[in-house]
Amino acid sequence: MALEITDANFEELVLKSDKPVLVDFWAEWCGPCRMVGPIVEELSKDFDGKAVVGKVNVDLNSQISANYGIRNIPTLLIFKNGEIVDKQVGAVPKATLAAKIEAQL
């Protein structure tokens, strides 16, 4: 299951991770986010132990969203060693996101 990432645990779960991290910035009211949500859950199982997969609810965690300039959702950021190494804005197929994670392993 994808981790719930918050303003409080972002640094520990994302920036200090020794694995690549996919972060899905989403909101309950966002239609495309609901399309991407199940894909993110599948990726969390597919990459279990190899990468960290988590979700940030932008309505509840405005600090992280502001820090990374999230204006459109869903926005998916991939971090490695605390730095953004890839970005995807909008809904895309699972294979696209899987390839982006694979590239960072």
PDB file of N, CA and C in Angstrom:
ATOM      1  N   MET A   1       0.843  -1.194   0.000  1.00  0.00           N
ATOM      2  CA  MET A   1       0.000   0.000   0.000  1.00  0.00           C
ATOM      3  C   MET A   1       0.880   1.247   0.000  1.00  0.00           C
ATOM      4  N   ALA A   2       0.476   2.239  -0.766  1.00  0.00           N
ATOM      5  CA  ALA A   2       1.228   3.488  -0.826  1.00  0.00           C
ATOM      6  C   ALA A   2       1.216   4.159   0.547  1.00  0.00           C
ATOM      7  N   LEU A   3       2.347   4.740   0.904  1.00  0.00           N
ATOM      8  CA  LEU A   3       2.470   5.430   2.186  1.00  0.00           C
ATOM      9  C   LEU A   3       1.736   6.756   2.148  1.00  0.00           C
ATOM     10  N   GLU A   4       1.189   7.152   3.284  1.00  0.00           N
ATOM     11  CA  GLU A   4       0.603   8.481   3.396  1.00  0.00           C
ATOM     12  C   GLU A   4       1.726   9.421   3.817  1.00  0.00           C
ATOM     13  N   ILE A   5       2.077  10.322   2.917  1.00  0.00           N
ATOM     14  CA  ILE A   5       3.158  11.263   3.201  1.00  0.00           C
ATOM     15  C   ILE A   5       2.535  12.593   3.590  1.00  0.00           C
ATOM     16  N   THR A   6       3.052  13.173   4.677  1.00  0.00           N
ATOM     17  CA  THR A   6       2.500  14.415   5.218  1.00  0.00           C
ATOM     18  C   THR A   6       3.609  15.456   5.371  1.00  0.00           C
ATOM     19  N   ASP A   7       3.194  16.673   5.697  1.00  0.00           N
ATOM     20  CA  ASP A   7       4.176  17.721   5.988  1.00  0.00           C
ATOM     21  C   ASP A   7       5.140  17.244   7.078  1.00  0.00           C
ATOM     22  N   ALA A   8       4.613  16.496   8.056  1.00  0.00           N
ATOM     23  CA  ALA A   8       5.410  16.078   9.216  1.00  0.00           C
ATOM     24  C   ALA A   8       6.421  14.986   8.892  1.00  0.00           C
ATOM     25  N   ASN A   9       6.084  14.042   7.990  1.00  0.00           N
ATOM     26  CA  ASN A   9       6.995  12.917   7.754  1.00  0.00           C
ATOM     27  C   ASN A   9       7.706  12.973   6.397  1.00  0.00           C
ATOM     28  N   PHE A  10       7.503  14.039   5.633  1.00  0.00           N
ATOM     29  CA  PHE A  10       8.064  14.135   4.284  1.00  0.00           C
ATOM     30  C   PHE A  10       9.587  13.993   4.276  1.00  0.00           C
ATOM     31  N   GLU A  11      10.247  14.728   5.150  1.00  0.00           N
ATOM     32  CA  GLU A  11      11.714  14.687   5.165  1.00  0.00           C
ATOM     33  C   GLU A  11      12.218  13.274   5.431  1.00  0.00           C
ATOM     34  N   GLU A  12      11.639  12.619   6.428  1.00  0.00           N
ATOM     35  CA  GLU A  12      12.082  11.272   6.798  1.00  0.00           C
ATOM     36  C   GLU A  12      11.787  10.245   5.698  1.00  0.00           C
ATOM     37  N   LEU A  13      10.555  10.258   5.160  1.00  0.00           N
ATOM     38  CA  LEU A  13      10.155   9.234   4.192  1.00  0.00           C
ATOM     39  C   LEU A  13      10.684   9.476   2.782  1.00  0.00           C
ATOM     40  N   VAL A  14      10.849  10.743   2.411  1.00  0.00           N
ATOM     41  CA  VAL A  14      11.228  11.060   1.032  1.00  0.00           C
ATOM     42  C   VAL A  14      12.680  11.513   0.932  1.00  0.00           C
ATOM     43  N   LEU A  15      13.013  12.590   1.617  1.00  0.00           N
ATOM     44  CA  LEU A  15      14.340  13.186   1.449  1.00  0.00           C
ATOM     45  C   LEU A  15      15.460  12.322   2.010  1.00  0.00           C
ATOM     46  N   LYS A  16      15.184  11.553   3.059  1.00  0.00           N
ATOM     47  CA  LYS A  16      16.229  10.725   3.673  1.00  0.00           C
ATOM     48  C   LYS A  16      16.197   9.275   3.202  1.00  0.00           C
ATOM     49  N   SER A  17      15.324   8.951   2.256  1.00  0.00           N
ATOM     50  CA  SER A  17      15.199   7.569   1.787  1.00  0.00           C
ATOM     51  C   SER A  17      16.446   7.142   1.023  1.00  0.00           C
ATOM     52  N   ASP A  18      16.855   5.884   1.234  1.00  0.00           N
ATOM     53  CA  ASP A  18      17.992   5.343   0.483  1.00  0.00           C
ATOM     54  C   ASP A  18      17.535   4.678  -0.812  1.00  0.00           C
ATOM     55  N   LYS A  19      16.224   4.738  -1.078  1.00  0.00           N
ATOM     56  CA  LYS A  19      15.650   4.177  -2.310  1.00  0.00           C
ATOM     57  C   LYS A  19      14.987   5.311  -3.093  1.00  0.00           C
ATOM     58  N   PRO A  20      14.762   5.115  -4.401  1.00  0.00           N
ATOM     59  CA  PRO A  20      13.981   6.108  -5.145  1.00  0.00           C
ATOM     60  C   PRO A  20      12.569   6.204  -4.548  1.00  0.00           C
ATOM     61  N   VAL A  21      11.973   7.390  -4.629  1.00  0.00           N
ATOM     62  CA  VAL A  21      10.650   7.620  -4.050  1.00  0.00           C
ATOM     63  C   VAL A  21       9.735   8.268  -5.095  1.00  0.00           C
ATOM     64  N   LEU A  22       8.587   7.627  -5.337  1.00  0.00           N
ATOM     65  CA  LEU A  22       7.545   8.220  -6.180  1.00  0.00           C
ATOM     66  C   LEU A  22       6.525   8.864  -5.255  1.00  0.00           C
ATOM     67  N   VAL A  23       6.283  10.155  -5.441  1.00  0.00           N
ATOM     68  CA  VAL A  23       5.312  10.872  -4.625  1.00  0.00           C
ATOM     69  C   VAL A  23       4.184  11.370  -5.523  1.00  0.00           C
ATOM     70  N   ASP A  24       2.968  10.936  -5.211  1.00  0.00           N
ATOM     71  CA  ASP A  24       1.763  11.334  -5.940  1.00  0.00           C
ATOM     72  C   ASP A  24       1.081  12.455  -5.167  1.00  0.00           C
ATOM     73  N   PHE A  25       1.080  13.669  -5.741  1.00  0.00           N
ATOM     74  CA  PHE A  25       0.356  14.790  -5.147  1.00  0.00           C
ATOM     75  C   PHE A  25      -1.058  14.757  -5.708  1.00  0.00           C
ATOM     76  N   TRP A  26      -2.069  14.653  -4.829  1.00  0.00           N
ATOM     77  CA  TRP A  26      -3.443  14.421  -5.256  1.00  0.00           C
ATOM     78  C   TRP A  26      -4.423  15.113  -4.314  1.00  0.00           C
ATOM     79  N   ALA A  27      -5.714  15.044  -4.676  1.00  0.00           N
ATOM     80  CA  ALA A  27      -6.792  15.536  -3.811  1.00  0.00           C
ATOM     81  C   ALA A  27      -8.045  14.697  -4.068  1.00  0.00           C
ATOM     82  N   GLU A  28      -8.895  14.626  -3.059  1.00  0.00           N
ATOM     83  CA  GLU A  28     -10.132  13.832  -3.136  1.00  0.00           C
ATOM     84  C   GLU A  28     -11.021  14.251  -4.310  1.00  0.00           C
ATOM     85  N   TRP A  29     -11.108  15.535  -4.570  1.00  0.00           N
ATOM     86  CA  TRP A  29     -12.046  16.087  -5.554  1.00  0.00           C
ATOM     87  C   TRP A  29     -11.512  16.036  -6.985  1.00  0.00           C
ATOM     88  N   CYS A  30     -10.315  15.536  -7.195  1.00  0.00           N
ATOM     89  CA  CYS A  30      -9.657  15.569  -8.504  1.00  0.00           C
ATOM     90  C   CYS A  30      -9.935  14.283  -9.287  1.00  0.00           C
ATOM     91  N   GLY A  31     -10.678  14.406 -10.406  1.00  0.00           N
ATOM     92  CA  GLY A  31     -11.018  13.252 -11.233  1.00  0.00           C
ATOM     93  C   GLY A  31      -9.807  12.487 -11.747  1.00  0.00           C
ATOM     94  N   PRO A  32      -8.850  13.159 -12.412  1.00  0.00           N
ATOM     95  CA  PRO A  32      -7.663  12.447 -12.896  1.00  0.00           C
ATOM     96  C   PRO A  32      -6.865  11.789 -11.763  1.00  0.00           C
ATOM     97  N   CYS A  33      -6.908  12.382 -10.567  1.00  0.00           N
ATOM     98  CA  CYS A  33      -6.216  11.786  -9.413  1.00  0.00           C
ATOM     99  C   CYS A  33      -6.835  10.430  -9.073  1.00  0.00           C
ATOM    100  N   ARG A  34      -8.158  10.336  -9.201  1.00  0.00           N
ATOM    101  CA  ARG A  34      -8.836   9.074  -8.912  1.00  0.00           C
ATOM    102  C   ARG A  34      -8.474   8.013  -9.944  1.00  0.00           C
ATOM    103  N   MET A  35      -8.123   8.442 -11.162  1.00  0.00           N
ATOM    104  CA  MET A  35      -7.673   7.487 -12.178  1.00  0.00           C
ATOM    105  C   MET A  35      -6.253   6.987 -11.860  1.00  0.00           C
ATOM    106  N   VAL A  36      -5.411   7.877 -11.373  1.00  0.00           N
ATOM    107  CA  VAL A  36      -4.013   7.537 -11.090  1.00  0.00           C
ATOM    108  C   VAL A  36      -3.882   6.762  -9.769  1.00  0.00           C
ATOM    109  N   GLY A  37      -4.779   7.001  -8.831  1.00  0.00           N
ATOM    110  CA  GLY A  37      -4.695   6.382  -7.504  1.00  0.00           C
ATOM    111  C   GLY A  37      -4.485   4.878  -7.520  1.00  0.00           C
ATOM    112  N   PRO A  38      -5.321   4.104  -8.228  1.00  0.00           N
ATOM    113  CA  PRO A  38      -5.126   2.646  -8.257  1.00  0.00           C
ATOM    114  C   PRO A  38      -3.793   2.236  -8.895  1.00  0.00           C
ATOM    115  N   ILE A  39      -3.327   3.016  -9.861  1.00  0.00           N
ATOM    116  CA  ILE A  39      -2.031   2.732 -10.491  1.00  0.00           C
ATOM    117  C   ILE A  39      -0.911   2.897  -9.472  1.00  0.00           C
ATOM    118  N   VAL A  40      -0.996   3.975  -8.688  1.00  0.00           N
ATOM    119  CA  VAL A  40       0.016   4.226  -7.656  1.00  0.00           C
ATOM    120  C   VAL A  40       0.016   3.083  -6.637  1.00  0.00           C
ATOM    121  N   GLU A  41      -1.176   2.605  -6.264  1.00  0.00           N
ATOM    122  CA  GLU A  41      -1.259   1.475  -5.327  1.00  0.00           C
ATOM    123  C   GLU A  41      -0.590   0.224  -5.916  1.00  0.00           C
ATOM    124  N   GLU A  42      -0.843  -0.049  -7.200  1.00  0.00           N
ATOM    125  CA  GLU A  42      -0.223  -1.211  -7.855  1.00  0.00           C
ATOM    126  C   GLU A  42       1.298  -1.061  -7.882  1.00  0.00           C
ATOM    127  N   LEU A  43       1.768   0.139  -8.189  1.00  0.00           N
ATOM    128  CA  LEU A  43       3.214   0.374  -8.232  1.00  0.00           C
ATOM    129  C   LEU A  43       3.851   0.164  -6.863  1.00  0.00           C
ATOM    130  N   SER A  44       3.118   0.520  -5.799  1.00  0.00           N
ATOM    131  CA  SER A  44       3.670   0.332  -4.451  1.00  0.00           C
ATOM    132  C   SER A  44       3.901  -1.152  -4.173  1.00  0.00           C
ATOM    133  N   LYS A  45       3.041  -2.017  -4.718  1.00  0.00           N
ATOM    134  CA  LYS A  45       3.221  -3.467  -4.557  1.00  0.00           C
ATOM    135  C   LYS A  45       4.330  -3.971  -5.490  1.00  0.00           C
ATOM    136  N   ASP A  46       4.305  -3.498  -6.749  1.00  0.00           N
ATOM    137  CA  ASP A  46       5.286  -3.949  -7.741  1.00  0.00           C
ATOM    138  C   ASP A  46       6.719  -3.620  -7.339  1.00  0.00           C
ATOM    139  N   PHE A  47       6.912  -2.465  -6.697  1.00  0.00           N
ATOM    140  CA  PHE A  47       8.262  -2.016  -6.352  1.00  0.00           C
ATOM    141  C   PHE A  47       8.569  -2.152  -4.855  1.00  0.00           C
ATOM    142  N   ASP A  48       7.761  -2.938  -4.158  1.00  0.00           N
ATOM    143  CA  ASP A  48       7.968  -3.147  -2.724  1.00  0.00           C
ATOM    144  C   ASP A  48       9.394  -3.633  -2.467  1.00  0.00           C
ATOM    145  N   GLY A  49      10.106  -2.917  -1.594  1.00  0.00           N
ATOM    146  CA  GLY A  49      11.478  -3.289  -1.268  1.00  0.00           C
ATOM    147  C   GLY A  49      12.516  -2.671  -2.193  1.00  0.00           C
ATOM    148  N   LYS A  50      12.071  -2.168  -3.348  1.00  0.00           N
ATOM    149  CA  LYS A  50      13.008  -1.565  -4.307  1.00  0.00           C
ATOM    150  C   LYS A  50      12.872  -0.045  -4.374  1.00  0.00           C
ATOM    151  N   ALA A  51      11.652   0.429  -4.169  1.00  0.00           N
ATOM    152  CA  ALA A  51      11.374   1.874  -4.201  1.00  0.00           C
ATOM    153  C   ALA A  51      10.261   2.177  -3.207  1.00  0.00           C
ATOM    154  N   VAL A  52      10.185   3.436  -2.802  1.00  0.00           N
ATOM    155  CA  VAL A  52       9.138   3.893  -1.897  1.00  0.00           C
ATOM    156  C   VAL A  52       8.073   4.582  -2.742  1.00  0.00           C
ATOM    157  N   VAL A  53       6.815   4.260  -2.489  1.00  0.00           N
ATOM    158  CA  VAL A  53       5.710   4.885  -3.216  1.00  0.00           C
ATOM    159  C   VAL A  53       4.764   5.487  -2.187  1.00  0.00           C
ATOM    160  N   GLY A  54       4.477   6.773  -2.351  1.00  0.00           N
ATOM    161  CA  GLY A  54       3.613   7.435  -1.387  1.00  0.00           C
ATOM    162  C   GLY A  54       2.740   8.494  -2.027  1.00  0.00           C
ATOM    163  N   LYS A  55       1.778   8.981  -1.234  1.00  0.00           N
ATOM    164  CA  LYS A  55       0.802   9.956  -1.713  1.00  0.00           C
ATOM    165  C   LYS A  55       0.739  11.132  -0.740  1.00  0.00           C
ATOM    166  N   VAL A  56       0.643  12.337  -1.312  1.00  0.00           N
ATOM    167  CA  VAL A  56       0.477  13.549  -0.513  1.00  0.00           C
ATOM    168  C   VAL A  56      -0.864  14.175  -0.878  1.00  0.00           C
ATOM    169  N   ASN A  57      -1.761  14.269   0.085  1.00  0.00           N
ATOM    170  CA  ASN A  57      -3.031  14.955  -0.124  1.00  0.00           C
ATOM    171  C   ASN A  57      -2.750  16.457  -0.042  1.00  0.00           C
ATOM    172  N   VAL A  58      -2.875  17.158  -1.181  1.00  0.00           N
ATOM    173  CA  VAL A  58      -2.489  18.571  -1.227  1.00  0.00           C
ATOM    174  C   VAL A  58      -3.393  19.452  -0.360  1.00  0.00           C
ATOM    175  N   ASP A  59      -4.627  19.020  -0.131  1.00  0.00           N
ATOM    176  CA  ASP A  59      -5.532  19.807   0.705  1.00  0.00           C
ATOM    177  C   ASP A  59      -5.134  19.766   2.175  1.00  0.00           C
ATOM    178  N   LEU A  60      -4.504  18.673   2.591  1.00  0.00           N
ATOM    179  CA  LEU A  60      -4.129  18.502   3.995  1.00  0.00           C
ATOM    180  C   LEU A  60      -2.669  18.828   4.269  1.00  0.00           C
ATOM    181  N   ASN A  61      -1.863  18.943   3.218  1.00  0.00           N
ATOM    182  CA  ASN A  61      -0.415  19.138   3.380  1.00  0.00           C
ATOM    183  C   ASN A  61       0.073  20.257   2.457  1.00  0.00           C
ATOM    184  N   SER A  62      -0.376  21.463   2.767  1.00  0.00           N
ATOM    185  CA  SER A  62      -0.087  22.596   1.888  1.00  0.00           C
ATOM    186  C   SER A  62       1.385  23.002   1.902  1.00  0.00           C
ATOM    187  N   GLN A  63       2.098  22.711   2.980  1.00  0.00           N
ATOM    188  CA  GLN A  63       3.505  23.113   3.079  1.00  0.00           C
ATOM    189  C   GLN A  63       4.357  22.433   2.004  1.00  0.00           C
ATOM    190  N   ILE A  64       4.253  21.102   1.892  1.00  0.00           N
ATOM    191  CA  ILE A  64       5.039  20.372   0.894  1.00  0.00           C
ATOM    192  C   ILE A  64       4.626  20.822  -0.498  1.00  0.00           C
ATOM    193  N   SER A  65       3.333  20.919  -0.730  1.00  0.00           N
ATOM    194  CA  SER A  65       2.819  21.312  -2.040  1.00  0.00           C
ATOM    195  C   SER A  65       3.384  22.676  -2.445  1.00  0.00           C
ATOM    196  N   ALA A  66       3.412  23.614  -1.506  1.00  0.00           N
ATOM    197  CA  ALA A  66       3.949  24.951  -1.787  1.00  0.00           C
ATOM    198  C   ALA A  66       5.453  24.880  -2.032  1.00  0.00           C
ATOM    199  N   ASN A  67       6.165  24.094  -1.227  1.00  0.00           N
ATOM    200  CA  ASN A  67       7.624  23.979  -1.371  1.00  0.00           C
ATOM    201  C   ASN A  67       8.030  23.511  -2.758  1.00  0.00           C
ATOM    202  N   TYR A  68       7.223  22.633  -3.357  1.00  0.00           N
ATOM    203  CA  TYR A  68       7.563  22.063  -4.657  1.00  0.00           C
ATOM    204  C   TYR A  68       6.760  22.670  -5.802  1.00  0.00           C
ATOM    205  N   GLY A  69       6.046  23.767  -5.508  1.00  0.00           N
ATOM    206  CA  GLY A  69       5.335  24.490  -6.553  1.00  0.00           C
ATOM    207  C   GLY A  69       4.268  23.681  -7.261  1.00  0.00           C
ATOM    208  N   ILE A  70       3.574  22.831  -6.502  1.00  0.00           N
ATOM    209  CA  ILE A  70       2.531  21.994  -7.099  1.00  0.00           C
ATOM    210  C   ILE A  70       1.315  22.870  -7.397  1.00  0.00           C
ATOM    211  N   ARG A  71       1.014  23.039  -8.693  1.00  0.00           N
ATOM    212  CA  ARG A  71      -0.132  23.854  -9.097  1.00  0.00           C
ATOM    213  C   ARG A  71      -1.188  23.020  -9.803  1.00  0.00           C
ATOM    214  N   ASN A  72      -0.780  21.927 -10.410  1.00  0.00           N
ATOM    215  CA  ASN A  72      -1.709  21.036 -11.105  1.00  0.00           C
ATOM    216  C   ASN A  72      -1.610  19.648 -10.486  1.00  0.00           C
ATOM    217  N   ILE A  73      -2.746  18.989 -10.365  1.00  0.00           N
ATOM    218  CA  ILE A  73      -2.717  17.621  -9.847  1.00  0.00           C
ATOM    219  C   ILE A  73      -3.486  16.727 -10.799  1.00  0.00           C
ATOM    220  N   PRO A  74      -3.163  15.460 -10.881  1.00  0.00           N
ATOM    221  CA  PRO A  74      -2.058  14.854 -10.145  1.00  0.00           C
ATOM    222  C   PRO A  74      -0.697  15.287 -10.694  1.00  0.00           C
ATOM    223  N   THR A  75       0.238  15.503  -9.778  1.00  0.00           N
ATOM    224  CA  THR A  75       1.647  15.681 -10.130  1.00  0.00           C
ATOM    225  C   THR A  75       2.394  14.572  -9.412  1.00  0.00           C
ATOM    226  N   LEU A  76       3.216  13.856 -10.157  1.00  0.00           N
ATOM    227  CA  LEU A  76       4.009  12.775  -9.579  1.00  0.00           C
ATOM    228  C   LEU A  76       5.472  13.150  -9.699  1.00  0.00           C
ATOM    229  N   LEU A  77       6.147  13.213  -8.547  1.00  0.00           N
ATOM    230  CA  LEU A  77       7.567  13.533  -8.523  1.00  0.00           C
ATOM    231  C   LEU A  77       8.342  12.290  -8.120  1.00  0.00           C
ATOM    232  N   ILE A  78       9.485  12.096  -8.745  1.00  0.00           N
ATOM    233  CA  ILE A  78      10.369  10.998  -8.353  1.00  0.00           C
ATOM    234  C   ILE A  78      11.623  11.615  -7.761  1.00  0.00           C
ATOM    235  N   PHE A  79      11.918  11.190  -6.523  1.00  0.00           N
ATOM    236  CA  PHE A  79      13.086  11.681  -5.799  1.00  0.00           C
ATOM    237  C   PHE A  79      14.133  10.581  -5.721  1.00  0.00           C
ATOM    238  N   LYS A  80      15.386  10.982  -5.766  1.00  0.00           N
ATOM    239  CA  LYS A  80      16.488  10.061  -5.505  1.00  0.00           C
ATOM    240  C   LYS A  80      17.543  10.861  -4.755  1.00  0.00           C
ATOM    241  N   ASN A  81      17.996  10.323  -3.638  1.00  0.00           N
ATOM    242  CA  ASN A  81      18.973  11.012  -2.788  1.00  0.00           C
ATOM    243  C   ASN A  81      18.500  12.421  -2.412  1.00  0.00           C
ATOM    244  N   GLY A  82      17.192  12.554  -2.155  1.00  0.00           N
ATOM    245  CA  GLY A  82      16.643  13.821  -1.702  1.00  0.00           C
ATOM    246  C   GLY A  82      16.413  14.863  -2.786  1.00  0.00           C
ATOM    247  N   GLU A  83      16.698  14.520  -4.041  1.00  0.00           N
ATOM    248  CA  GLU A  83      16.541  15.460  -5.156  1.00  0.00           C
ATOM    249  C   GLU A  83      15.463  14.966  -6.119  1.00  0.00           C
ATOM    250  N   ILE A  84      14.742  15.903  -6.753  1.00  0.00           N
ATOM    251  CA  ILE A  84      13.774  15.528  -7.790  1.00  0.00           C
ATOM    252  C   ILE A  84      14.557  15.123  -9.032  1.00  0.00           C
ATOM    253  N   VAL A  85      14.292  13.902  -9.520  1.00  0.00           N
ATOM    254  CA  VAL A  85      14.981  13.417 -10.721  1.00  0.00           C
ATOM    255  C   VAL A  85      14.024  13.230 -11.897  1.00  0.00           C
ATOM    256  N   ASP A  86      12.725  13.252 -11.630  1.00  0.00           N
ATOM    257  CA  ASP A  86      11.749  13.119 -12.711  1.00  0.00           C
ATOM    258  C   ASP A  86      10.417  13.679 -12.236  1.00  0.00           C
ATOM    259  N   LYS A  87       9.580  14.069 -13.211  1.00  0.00           N
ATOM    260  CA  LYS A  87       8.296  14.691 -12.886  1.00  0.00           C
ATOM    261  C   LYS A  87       7.283  14.307 -13.955  1.00  0.00           C
ATOM    262  N   GLN A  88       6.060  14.058 -13.516  1.00  0.00           N
ATOM    263  CA  GLN A  88       4.966  13.767 -14.443  1.00  0.00           C
ATOM    264  C   GLN A  88       3.743  14.538 -13.962  1.00  0.00           C
ATOM    265  N   VAL A  89       3.175  15.359 -14.839  1.00  0.00           N
ATOM    266  CA  VAL A  89       1.954  16.086 -14.497  1.00  0.00           C
ATOM    267  C   VAL A  89       0.820  15.491 -15.315  1.00  0.00           C
ATOM    268  N   GLY A  90      -0.255  15.120 -14.629  1.00  0.00           N
ATOM    269  CA  GLY A  90      -1.413  14.552 -15.307  1.00  0.00           C
ATOM    270  C   GLY A  90      -1.420  13.037 -15.263  1.00  0.00           C
ATOM    271  N   ALA A  91      -2.565  12.474 -15.634  1.00  0.00           N
ATOM    272  CA  ALA A  91      -2.750  11.027 -15.612  1.00  0.00           C
ATOM    273  C   ALA A  91      -2.006  10.379 -16.781  1.00  0.00           C
ATOM    274  N   VAL A  92      -1.290   9.312 -16.483  1.00  0.00           N
ATOM    275  CA  VAL A  92      -0.567   8.549 -17.509  1.00  0.00           C
ATOM    276  C   VAL A  92      -0.737   7.061 -17.226  1.00  0.00           C
ATOM    277  N   PRO A  93      -0.463   6.205 -18.219  1.00  0.00           N
ATOM    278  CA  PRO A  93      -0.570   4.762 -17.995  1.00  0.00           C
ATOM    279  C   PRO A  93       0.459   4.261 -16.980  1.00  0.00           C
ATOM    280  N   LYS A  94       0.138   3.128 -16.374  1.00  0.00           N
ATOM    281  CA  LYS A  94       1.021   2.519 -15.381  1.00  0.00           C
ATOM    282  C   LYS A  94       2.416   2.290 -15.947  1.00  0.00           C
ATOM    283  N   ALA A  95       2.511   1.822 -17.198  1.00  0.00           N
ATOM    284  CA  ALA A  95       3.813   1.511 -17.798  1.00  0.00           C
ATOM    285  C   ALA A  95       4.728   2.728 -17.828  1.00  0.00           C
ATOM    286  N   THR A  96       4.147   3.901 -18.026  1.00  0.00           N
ATOM    287  CA  THR A  96       4.944   5.133 -18.068  1.00  0.00           C
ATOM    288  C   THR A  96       5.585   5.403 -16.718  1.00  0.00           C
ATOM    289  N   LEU A  97       4.790   5.284 -15.655  1.00  0.00           N
ATOM    290  CA  LEU A  97       5.314   5.547 -14.307  1.00  0.00           C
ATOM    291  C   LEU A  97       6.292   4.445 -13.900  1.00  0.00           C
ATOM    292  N   ALA A  98       5.986   3.198 -14.241  1.00  0.00           N
ATOM    293  CA  ALA A  98       6.882   2.093 -13.901  1.00  0.00           C
ATOM    294  C   ALA A  98       8.251   2.311 -14.549  1.00  0.00           C
ATOM    295  N   ALA A  99       8.262   2.757 -15.808  1.00  0.00           N
ATOM    296  CA  ALA A  99       9.522   3.004 -16.518  1.00  0.00           C
ATOM    297  C   ALA A  99      10.317   4.125 -15.846  1.00  0.00           C
ATOM    298  N   LYS A 100       9.618   5.136 -15.345  1.00  0.00           N
ATOM    299  CA  LYS A 100      10.306   6.242 -14.671  1.00  0.00           C
ATOM    300  C   LYS A 100      10.954   5.767 -13.369  1.00  0.00           C
ATOM    301  N   ILE A 101      10.261   4.874 -12.646  1.00  0.00           N
ATOM    302  CA  ILE A 101      10.841   4.337 -11.409  1.00  0.00           C
ATOM    303  C   ILE A 101      12.016   3.425 -11.753  1.00  0.00           C
ATOM    304  N   GLU A 102      11.812   2.536 -12.717  1.00  0.00           N
ATOM    305  CA  GLU A 102      12.877   1.611 -13.130  1.00  0.00           C
ATOM    306  C   GLU A 102      14.170   2.349 -13.477  1.00  0.00           C
ATOM    307  N   ALA A 103      14.031   3.489 -14.134  1.00  0.00           N
ATOM    308  CA  ALA A 103      15.194   4.274 -14.568  1.00  0.00           C
ATOM    309  C   ALA A 103      16.034   4.750 -13.389  1.00  0.00           C
ATOM    310  N   GLN A 104      15.434   4.797 -12.191  1.00  0.00           N
ATOM    311  CA  GLN A 104      16.149   5.292 -11.011  1.00  0.00           C
ATOM    312  C   GLN A 104      16.673   4.176 -10.105  1.00  0.00           C
ATOM    313  N   LEU A 105      16.390   2.943 -10.438  1.00  0.00           N
ATOM    314  CA  LEU A 105      16.830   1.818  -9.590  1.00  0.00           C
ATOM    315  C   LEU A 105      18.290   1.497  -9.815  1.00  0.00           C
TER     316      LEU A 105
END
